[in-house]
Amino acid sequence: MGIEEGEIIAGALGDKRAIILAHHGQLVTGATVEEACNLAMLIERAARLQLVAMAAGTIQPLDPELAREAHDWTSTDRRSKANFAYYARRALRNHPDCVAGQVRT
């Protein structure tokens, strides 16, 4: 990606923490690695749930207050760290040859 594309993406991202890139996936930022990882996993989960919901029928709008409450809860530092620890344990369980970022040979 050239500088021009990076500037376009940075401009589109603005003050947000995530952006969906058409035909290229997502770009996520966070105050910590844990926060960024958690947000990326939430976006992937939401995309899967959206497809399932669309296949099941008409999607109903959420109550804005309940949506904000859910957003605020999923955005807590404590939850980000707990989710990151869970995903790290799962990755290490599925790939026991990796320890502290180094592959055993």
C-alpha atoms as a PDB file:
ATOM      1  CA  MET A   1       0.000   0.000   0.000  1.00  0.00           C
ATOM      2  CA  GLY A   2       1.360   3.394  -0.953  1.00  0.00           C
ATOM      3  CA  ILE A   3       1.339   6.574   1.080  1.00  0.00           C
ATOM      4  CA  GLU A   4      -1.733   7.864  -0.775  1.00  0.00           C
ATOM      5  CA  GLU A   5      -3.792   4.799   0.159  1.00  0.00           C
ATOM      6  CA  GLY A   6      -2.657   5.110   3.772  1.00  0.00           C
ATOM      7  CA  GLU A   7      -3.739   8.735   3.860  1.00  0.00           C
ATOM      8  CA  ILE A   8      -7.155   7.823   2.421  1.00  0.00           C
ATOM      9  CA  ILE A   9      -7.624   5.112   5.050  1.00  0.00           C
ATOM     10  CA  ALA A  10      -6.422   7.384   7.875  1.00  0.00           C
ATOM     11  CA  GLY A  11      -8.851  10.072   6.716  1.00  0.00           C
ATOM     12  CA  ALA A  12     -11.724   7.596   6.581  1.00  0.00           C
ATOM     13  CA  LEU A  13     -10.819   6.240  10.021  1.00  0.00           C
ATOM     14  CA  GLY A  14     -10.760   9.735  11.517  1.00  0.00           C
ATOM     15  CA  ASP A  15     -11.364   9.563  15.267  1.00  0.00           C
ATOM     16  CA  LYS A  16     -12.923   6.085  15.090  1.00  0.00           C
ATOM     17  CA  ARG A  17     -11.280   2.899  16.341  1.00  0.00           C
ATOM     18  CA  ALA A  18     -12.245   0.661  13.413  1.00  0.00           C
ATOM     19  CA  ILE A  19     -13.086   0.750   9.742  1.00  0.00           C
ATOM     20  CA  ILE A  20     -14.367  -1.877   7.318  1.00  0.00           C
ATOM     21  CA  LEU A  21     -12.379  -1.776   4.088  1.00  0.00           C
ATOM     22  CA  ALA A  22     -14.404  -2.847   1.048  1.00  0.00           C
ATOM     23  CA  HIS A  23     -12.915  -6.098  -0.294  1.00  0.00           C
ATOM     24  CA  HIS A  24      -9.968  -5.834   2.123  1.00  0.00           C
ATOM     25  CA  GLY A  25     -11.286  -6.693   5.590  1.00  0.00           C
ATOM     26  CA  GLN A  26     -10.980  -4.408   8.556  1.00  0.00           C
ATOM     27  CA  LEU A  27      -8.534  -2.051  10.216  1.00  0.00           C
ATOM     28  CA  VAL A  28      -8.670  -1.732  13.991  1.00  0.00           C
ATOM     29  CA  THR A  29      -6.813   0.482  16.444  1.00  0.00           C
ATOM     30  CA  GLY A  30      -6.841   0.549  20.206  1.00  0.00           C
ATOM     31  CA  ALA A  31      -5.149   2.063  23.206  1.00  0.00           C
ATOM     32  CA  THR A  32      -3.672  -1.399  23.848  1.00  0.00           C
ATOM     33  CA  VAL A  33      -3.078  -4.567  21.862  1.00  0.00           C
ATOM     34  CA  GLU A  34      -5.736  -6.208  24.012  1.00  0.00           C
ATOM     35  CA  GLU A  35      -8.317  -3.565  23.093  1.00  0.00           C
ATOM     36  CA  ALA A  36      -7.539  -3.770  19.372  1.00  0.00           C
ATOM     37  CA  CYS A  37      -7.672  -7.584  19.386  1.00  0.00           C
ATOM     38  CA  ASN A  38     -10.954  -7.586  21.274  1.00  0.00           C
ATOM     39  CA  LEU A  39     -12.493  -5.073  18.868  1.00  0.00           C
ATOM     40  CA  ALA A  40     -11.345  -7.077  15.843  1.00  0.00           C
ATOM     41  CA  MET A  41     -12.873 -10.251  17.291  1.00  0.00           C
ATOM     42  CA  LEU A  42     -16.137  -8.403  18.034  1.00  0.00           C
ATOM     43  CA  ILE A  43     -16.314  -7.176  14.430  1.00  0.00           C
ATOM     44  CA  GLU A  44     -15.750 -10.699  13.075  1.00  0.00           C
ATOM     45  CA  ARG A  45     -18.427 -12.084  15.413  1.00  0.00           C
ATOM     46  CA  ALA A  46     -20.881  -9.335  14.469  1.00  0.00           C
ATOM     47  CA  ALA A  47     -20.323 -10.052  10.765  1.00  0.00           C
ATOM     48  CA  ARG A  48     -21.086 -13.764  11.273  1.00  0.00           C
ATOM     49  CA  LEU A  49     -24.179 -12.967  13.347  1.00  0.00           C
ATOM     50  CA  GLN A  50     -25.356 -10.455  10.733  1.00  0.00           C
ATOM     51  CA  LEU A  51     -25.222 -13.121   8.013  1.00  0.00           C
ATOM     52  CA  VAL A  52     -27.086 -15.620  10.185  1.00  0.00           C
ATOM     53  CA  ALA A  53     -29.699 -13.020  11.104  1.00  0.00           C
ATOM     54  CA  MET A  54     -30.207 -11.998   7.473  1.00  0.00           C
ATOM     55  CA  ALA A  55     -30.745 -15.635   6.514  1.00  0.00           C
ATOM     56  CA  ALA A  56     -33.268 -16.072   9.325  1.00  0.00           C
ATOM     57  CA  GLY A  57     -35.544 -13.193   8.368  1.00  0.00           C
ATOM     58  CA  THR A  58     -36.118  -9.489   8.798  1.00  0.00           C
ATOM     59  CA  ILE A  59     -33.681  -7.778  11.124  1.00  0.00           C
ATOM     60  CA  GLN A  60     -35.329  -5.578  13.736  1.00  0.00           C
ATOM     61  CA  PRO A  61     -33.718  -2.359  14.985  1.00  0.00           C
ATOM     62  CA  LEU A  62     -32.253  -2.256  18.485  1.00  0.00           C
ATOM     63  CA  ASP A  63     -33.355   0.105  21.210  1.00  0.00           C
ATOM     64  CA  PRO A  64     -30.643   2.824  21.040  1.00  0.00           C
ATOM     65  CA  GLU A  65     -30.274   2.932  24.824  1.00  0.00           C
ATOM     66  CA  LEU A  66     -29.728  -0.827  25.050  1.00  0.00           C
ATOM     67  CA  ALA A  67     -27.297  -0.710  22.120  1.00  0.00           C
ATOM     68  CA  ARG A  68     -25.267   2.025  23.885  1.00  0.00           C
ATOM     69  CA  GLU A  69     -25.256   0.010  27.115  1.00  0.00           C
ATOM     70  CA  ALA A  70     -23.959  -3.061  25.261  1.00  0.00           C
ATOM     71  CA  HIS A  71     -21.335  -0.948  23.478  1.00  0.00           C
ATOM     72  CA  ASP A  72     -20.125   0.585  26.717  1.00  0.00           C
ATOM     73  CA  TRP A  73     -19.910  -2.824  28.419  1.00  0.00           C
ATOM     74  CA  THR A  74     -17.988  -4.457  25.574  1.00  0.00           C
ATOM     75  CA  SER A  75     -15.591  -1.494  25.492  1.00  0.00           C
ATOM     76  CA  THR A  76     -14.315  -1.788  29.070  1.00  0.00           C
ATOM     77  CA  ASP A  77     -10.588  -2.277  29.654  1.00  0.00           C
ATOM     78  CA  ARG A  78     -11.245  -5.190  32.007  1.00  0.00           C
ATOM     79  CA  ARG A  79     -13.296  -7.037  29.379  1.00  0.00           C
ATOM     80  CA  SER A  80     -10.702  -6.395  26.655  1.00  0.00           C
ATOM     81  CA  LYS A  81      -7.941  -7.848  28.820  1.00  0.00           C
ATOM     82  CA  ALA A  82     -10.017 -10.878  29.831  1.00  0.00           C
ATOM     83  CA  ASN A  83     -11.007 -11.622  26.227  1.00  0.00           C
ATOM     84  CA  PHE A  84      -7.431 -11.191  25.029  1.00  0.00           C
ATOM     85  CA  ALA A  85      -6.214 -13.636  27.689  1.00  0.00           C
ATOM     86  CA  TYR A  86      -8.886 -16.133  26.602  1.00  0.00           C
ATOM     87  CA  TYR A  87      -7.938 -15.878  22.909  1.00  0.00           C
ATOM     88  CA  ALA A  88      -4.233 -16.144  23.769  1.00  0.00           C
ATOM     89  CA  ARG A  89      -4.823 -19.299  25.836  1.00  0.00           C
ATOM     90  CA  ARG A  90      -6.913 -20.784  23.024  1.00  0.00           C
ATOM     91  CA  ALA A  91      -4.242 -19.980  20.428  1.00  0.00           C
ATOM     92  CA  LEU A  92      -1.491 -21.500  22.562  1.00  0.00           C
ATOM     93  CA  ARG A  93      -3.630 -24.589  23.219  1.00  0.00           C
ATOM     94  CA  ASN A  94      -4.212 -25.015  19.472  1.00  0.00           C
ATOM     95  CA  HIS A  95      -0.549 -24.296  18.657  1.00  0.00           C
ATOM     96  CA  PRO A  96       1.511 -25.759  21.529  1.00  0.00           C
ATOM     97  CA  ASP A  97       4.707 -25.450  19.487  1.00  0.00           C
ATOM     98  CA  CYS A  98       4.606 -21.661  20.038  1.00  0.00           C
ATOM     99  CA  VAL A  99       5.849 -20.198  23.291  1.00  0.00           C
ATOM    100  CA  ALA A 100       6.315 -16.472  23.952  1.00  0.00           C
ATOM    101  CA  GLY A 101       6.181 -15.721  20.235  1.00  0.00           C
ATOM    102  CA  GLN A 102       8.933 -18.170  19.287  1.00  0.00           C
ATOM    103  CA  VAL A 103       8.342 -21.334  17.297  1.00  0.00           C
ATOM    104  CA  ARG A 104      10.098 -24.396  18.635  1.00  0.00           C
ATOM    105  CA  THR A 105      12.040 -26.337  16.039  1.00  0.00           C
END
